[in-house]
């Protein structure tokens, strides 16, 4: 499966997707009963802590990991189907993420600011958000060449610091150049996640779950970037052409 390769466009998209992940994670944690929407493994920690304290395990936390895994598998099956049809996977996966986040936002707005995180309708809404983040994780792996994770910042921070060490202390010129390039890519993702977290926290504090308009709007912006940026359009088209050539 051919990935999109456009350094500038990929960095911009990486930043936008990282802002989405950071903002939706904070909004979910503050507004949906400490549920992590993007940092799914964080829910396992919360479940363990609840169990140790003898407290009830929230249904949303229990469902988040299997829903995330099912959505990942669905994304892979969709990508394989697009691959067989000779269609580049980036835009369809971005569109699917936007639609899932839109559903998440619509339910939260419809229920209102006094929503009970444990209500069935809010659990459904949260799982739409979890599925959207699964799609984002999948599309970064499947559709963006050389892009770092936009949601797993521990790995990115580790890679970033080690690459900085290579830049400062390494003696191999080729290794120095590669480390510098990786540090720039992961630095963009880290910066985006930090910006998204701060923005999501501020918006959640002031407007409640209406703050989900931020990640939803940015998901639409990410889709627009791939459709309106001339270089990105060319990169996507090249990826699609490569897929079609291999299928032929």
Protein backbone atom coordinates (compact mmCIF):
# COMPACT_ATOMS: atom_id res chain seq x y z
CA UNK A 1 0.00 0.00 0.00
CA UNK A 2 1.55 3.25 -1.16
CA UNK A 3 1.75 6.11 1.37
CA UNK A 4 1.53 9.81 0.60
CA UNK A 5 4.94 11.47 0.56
CA UNK A 6 4.94 15.28 0.72
CA UNK A 7 7.22 16.60 3.49
CA UNK A 8 5.58 19.99 3.97
CA UNK A 9 2.02 18.73 3.58
CA UNK A 10 2.66 15.77 5.86
CA UNK A 11 4.07 18.01 8.59
CA UNK A 12 1.05 20.32 8.38
CA UNK A 13 -1.34 17.39 8.48
CA UNK A 14 0.62 15.81 11.35
CA UNK A 15 0.30 19.03 13.34
CA UNK A 16 -3.46 19.29 12.72
CA UNK A 17 -4.08 15.64 13.61
CA UNK A 18 -2.01 16.00 16.78
CA UNK A 19 -4.06 19.03 17.83
CA UNK A 20 -7.20 16.94 17.27
CA UNK A 21 -5.87 14.11 19.46
CA UNK A 22 -4.73 16.43 22.24
CA UNK A 23 -7.96 18.42 22.32
CA UNK A 24 -10.35 15.47 22.16
CA UNK A 25 -8.39 13.63 24.87
CA UNK A 26 -8.64 16.52 27.33
CA UNK A 27 -12.29 17.18 26.48
CA UNK A 28 -13.16 13.53 27.05
CA UNK A 29 -11.22 13.39 30.31
CA UNK A 30 -12.86 16.52 31.72
CA UNK A 31 -16.33 16.17 30.25
CA UNK A 32 -16.94 12.42 30.04
CA UNK A 33 -15.93 11.08 33.42
CA UNK A 34 -12.13 10.83 33.00
CA UNK A 35 -12.43 8.91 29.72
CA UNK A 36 -9.44 9.07 27.40
CA UNK A 37 -10.65 9.25 23.80
CA UNK A 38 -7.26 9.14 22.06
CA UNK A 39 -4.89 7.77 24.73
CA UNK A 40 -6.80 4.49 24.97
CA UNK A 41 -4.31 2.65 27.18
CA UNK A 42 -4.84 5.36 29.78
CA UNK A 43 -8.30 3.89 30.34
CA UNK A 44 -6.69 0.62 31.43
CA UNK A 45 -4.85 2.53 34.15
CA UNK A 46 -8.08 4.14 35.32
CA UNK A 47 -9.85 0.77 35.35
CA UNK A 48 -7.04 -0.74 37.43
CA UNK A 49 -7.17 2.18 39.86
CA UNK A 50 -10.95 1.90 40.17
CA UNK A 51 -10.68 -1.83 40.78
CA UNK A 52 -7.99 -1.36 43.45
CA UNK A 53 -10.18 1.22 45.17
CA UNK A 54 -13.19 -1.08 45.08
CA UNK A 55 -15.11 1.29 42.82
CA UNK A 56 -17.48 0.57 39.94
CA UNK A 57 -15.82 0.23 36.52
CA UNK A 58 -17.43 2.69 34.05
CA UNK A 59 -18.88 1.02 30.95
CA UNK A 60 -17.23 3.53 28.61
CA UNK A 61 -13.79 2.68 29.97
CA UNK A 62 -14.48 -1.03 29.62
CA UNK A 63 -15.68 -0.65 26.04
CA UNK A 64 -13.02 1.77 24.82
CA UNK A 65 -10.26 -0.78 24.18
CA UNK A 66 -12.35 -3.35 22.24
CA UNK A 67 -14.10 -0.59 20.29
CA UNK A 68 -10.72 0.91 19.42
CA UNK A 69 -9.46 -2.47 18.20
CA UNK A 70 -12.60 -3.15 16.15
CA UNK A 71 -12.36 0.28 14.54
CA UNK A 72 -8.71 -0.33 13.69
CA UNK A 73 -9.59 -3.60 11.99
CA UNK A 74 -12.43 -1.90 10.12
CA UNK A 75 -10.02 0.79 8.94
CA UNK A 76 -7.61 -1.86 7.71
CA UNK A 77 -10.36 -3.68 5.84
CA UNK A 78 -11.52 -0.42 4.27
CA UNK A 79 -7.95 0.43 3.26
CA UNK A 80 -7.55 -2.99 1.68
CA UNK A 81 -10.78 -2.52 -0.26
CA UNK A 82 -9.65 0.91 -1.47
CA UNK A 83 -6.29 -0.59 -2.38
CA UNK A 84 -7.95 -3.21 -4.57
CA UNK A 85 -9.93 -0.45 -6.27
CA UNK A 86 -6.79 1.58 -6.94
CA UNK A 87 -7.82 4.44 -4.62
CA UNK A 88 -5.39 6.19 -2.27
CA UNK A 89 -6.54 5.66 1.32
CA UNK A 90 -5.80 9.06 2.87
CA UNK A 91 -8.88 11.08 1.94
CA UNK A 92 -11.47 8.34 2.57
CA UNK A 93 -10.02 7.66 6.03
CA UNK A 94 -9.92 11.37 6.86
CA UNK A 95 -13.55 11.66 5.73
CA UNK A 96 -14.54 8.73 7.93
CA UNK A 97 -12.79 10.30 10.91
CA UNK A 98 -14.61 13.58 10.32
CA UNK A 99 -17.99 11.82 10.11
CA UNK A 100 -17.38 9.93 13.35
CA UNK A 101 -16.32 13.09 15.17
CA UNK A 102 -19.37 14.88 13.76
CA UNK A 103 -21.60 12.17 15.23
CA UNK A 104 -19.78 12.48 18.55
CA UNK A 105 -20.31 16.24 18.54
CA UNK A 106 -23.96 16.06 17.44
CA UNK A 107 -24.94 13.69 20.25
CA UNK A 108 -23.13 15.73 22.90
CA UNK A 109 -24.75 18.96 21.72
CA UNK A 110 -28.16 17.30 21.55
CA UNK A 111 -27.92 15.95 25.09
CA UNK A 112 -26.67 19.24 26.52
CA UNK A 113 -24.17 20.36 29.12
CA UNK A 114 -25.80 18.38 31.97
CA UNK A 115 -25.17 15.03 30.27
CA UNK A 116 -24.48 12.01 32.46
CA UNK A 117 -21.25 10.34 31.19
CA UNK A 118 -22.67 6.96 32.22
CA UNK A 119 -25.90 7.35 30.25
CA UNK A 120 -26.22 4.96 27.31
CA UNK A 121 -26.44 7.74 24.72
CA UNK A 122 -23.26 9.35 26.06
CA UNK A 123 -21.44 6.02 26.01
CA UNK A 124 -22.43 5.66 22.34
CA UNK A 125 -21.16 9.19 21.69
CA UNK A 126 -17.87 8.46 23.43
CA UNK A 127 -17.39 5.29 21.40
CA UNK A 128 -17.83 7.31 18.20
CA UNK A 129 -14.98 9.49 19.42
CA UNK A 130 -12.86 6.45 20.25
CA UNK A 131 -13.54 5.00 16.79
CA UNK A 132 -12.56 8.32 15.19
CA UNK A 133 -9.23 8.25 17.00
CA UNK A 134 -8.69 4.65 15.92
CA UNK A 135 -9.20 5.75 12.32
CA UNK A 136 -6.68 8.56 12.85
CA UNK A 137 -4.10 6.17 14.26
CA UNK A 138 -4.66 3.82 11.34
CA UNK A 139 -4.44 6.46 8.62
CA UNK A 140 -1.13 7.76 9.97
CA UNK A 141 0.28 4.24 9.74
CA UNK A 142 -1.28 3.39 6.37
CA UNK A 143 -1.44 6.64 4.43
CA UNK A 144 1.28 9.06 5.56
CA UNK A 145 4.87 8.23 4.73
CA UNK A 146 7.41 8.86 7.53
CA UNK A 147 4.83 10.52 9.78
CA UNK A 148 5.14 9.99 13.56
CA UNK A 149 2.21 8.98 15.73
CA UNK A 150 -0.23 11.81 16.30
CA UNK A 151 -1.62 10.39 19.56
CA UNK A 152 1.12 8.40 21.36
CA UNK A 153 3.32 11.15 22.72
CA UNK A 154 5.41 8.98 25.07
CA UNK A 155 6.95 7.20 22.10
CA UNK A 156 7.34 10.48 20.22
CA UNK A 157 8.99 12.20 23.17
CA UNK A 158 11.41 9.29 23.59
CA UNK A 159 12.30 9.35 19.90
CA UNK A 160 12.63 13.15 19.93
CA UNK A 161 15.02 13.26 22.89
CA UNK A 162 17.15 10.39 21.57
CA UNK A 163 17.37 12.06 18.16
CA UNK A 164 18.41 15.33 19.78
CA UNK A 165 21.12 13.40 21.58
CA UNK A 166 22.27 11.98 18.24
CA UNK A 167 22.29 15.46 16.71
CA UNK A 168 24.36 16.89 19.55
CA UNK A 169 26.62 13.95 20.33
CA UNK A 170 26.67 11.71 17.25
CA UNK A 171 29.74 11.50 15.03
CA UNK A 172 28.17 9.87 11.97
CA UNK A 173 27.14 12.60 9.46
CA UNK A 174 24.51 10.36 7.86
CA UNK A 175 23.06 9.45 11.26
CA UNK A 176 23.11 13.12 12.23
CA UNK A 177 21.03 14.09 9.18
CA UNK A 178 18.50 11.30 9.71
CA UNK A 179 18.17 12.14 13.40
CA UNK A 180 17.59 15.81 12.59
CA UNK A 181 14.85 14.94 10.09
CA UNK A 182 13.12 12.61 12.56
CA UNK A 183 13.36 15.18 15.35
CA UNK A 184 11.67 17.76 13.15
CA UNK A 185 8.82 15.38 12.34
CA UNK A 186 8.24 14.23 15.92
CA UNK A 187 8.65 17.77 17.23
CA UNK A 188 5.73 18.86 15.05
CA UNK A 189 3.53 16.11 16.51
CA UNK A 190 4.53 16.91 20.10
CA UNK A 191 3.89 20.62 19.59
CA UNK A 192 0.49 19.92 18.05
CA UNK A 193 -0.57 17.67 20.91
CA UNK A 194 0.47 20.27 23.50
CA UNK A 195 -1.43 23.00 21.66
CA UNK A 196 -4.47 20.73 21.34
CA UNK A 197 -4.42 19.81 25.02
CA UNK A 198 -4.26 23.44 26.12
CA UNK A 199 -6.93 24.50 23.64
CA UNK A 200 -9.23 21.62 24.57
CA UNK A 201 -8.89 22.31 28.29
CA UNK A 202 -9.66 26.00 27.84
CA UNK A 203 -12.67 25.34 25.62
CA UNK A 204 -14.06 22.59 27.86
CA UNK A 205 -13.82 24.89 30.86
CA UNK A 206 -15.72 27.68 29.10
CA UNK A 207 -18.24 25.97 26.82
CA UNK A 208 -18.42 22.34 27.96
CA UNK A 209 -18.91 19.66 25.35
CA UNK A 210 -19.53 22.29 22.68
CA UNK A 211 -15.71 22.36 22.71
CA UNK A 212 -15.87 19.24 20.52
CA UNK A 213 -16.43 21.65 17.64
CA UNK A 214 -12.65 22.23 17.81
CA UNK A 215 -11.46 18.70 16.94
CA UNK A 216 -14.40 18.21 14.57
CA UNK A 217 -13.63 21.43 12.73
CA UNK A 218 -9.97 20.52 12.56
CA UNK A 219 -10.84 17.10 11.14
CA UNK A 220 -12.67 18.92 8.34
CA UNK A 221 -9.65 21.22 7.93
CA UNK A 222 -7.38 18.17 7.62
CA UNK A 223 -9.57 16.87 4.82
CA UNK A 224 -9.53 20.26 3.12
CA UNK A 225 -5.74 20.38 3.31
CA UNK A 226 -5.49 17.18 1.29
CA UNK A 227 -7.95 18.50 -1.30
CA UNK A 228 -6.81 22.11 -1.69
CA UNK A 229 -3.03 21.98 -1.27
CA UNK A 230 -1.66 21.54 -4.79
CA UNK A 231 1.41 19.61 -3.67
CA UNK A 232 -0.63 17.40 -1.38
CA UNK A 233 -3.14 16.69 -4.14
CA UNK A 234 -0.27 15.66 -6.40
CA UNK A 235 1.22 13.45 -3.67
CA UNK A 236 -2.14 11.75 -3.05
CA UNK A 237 -2.65 11.27 -6.77
CA UNK A 238 0.82 9.73 -7.11
CA UNK A 239 0.02 7.31 -4.30
CA UNK A 240 -3.24 6.39 -6.00
CA UNK A 241 -1.53 5.96 -9.34
CA UNK A 242 1.06 3.67 -7.77
CA UNK A 243 -1.68 1.55 -6.22
CA UNK A 244 -3.51 1.32 -9.54
CA UNK A 245 -0.28 0.39 -11.32
CA UNK A 246 0.45 -2.41 -8.87
CA UNK A 247 -3.14 -3.65 -9.15
CA UNK A 248 -2.82 -3.76 -12.92
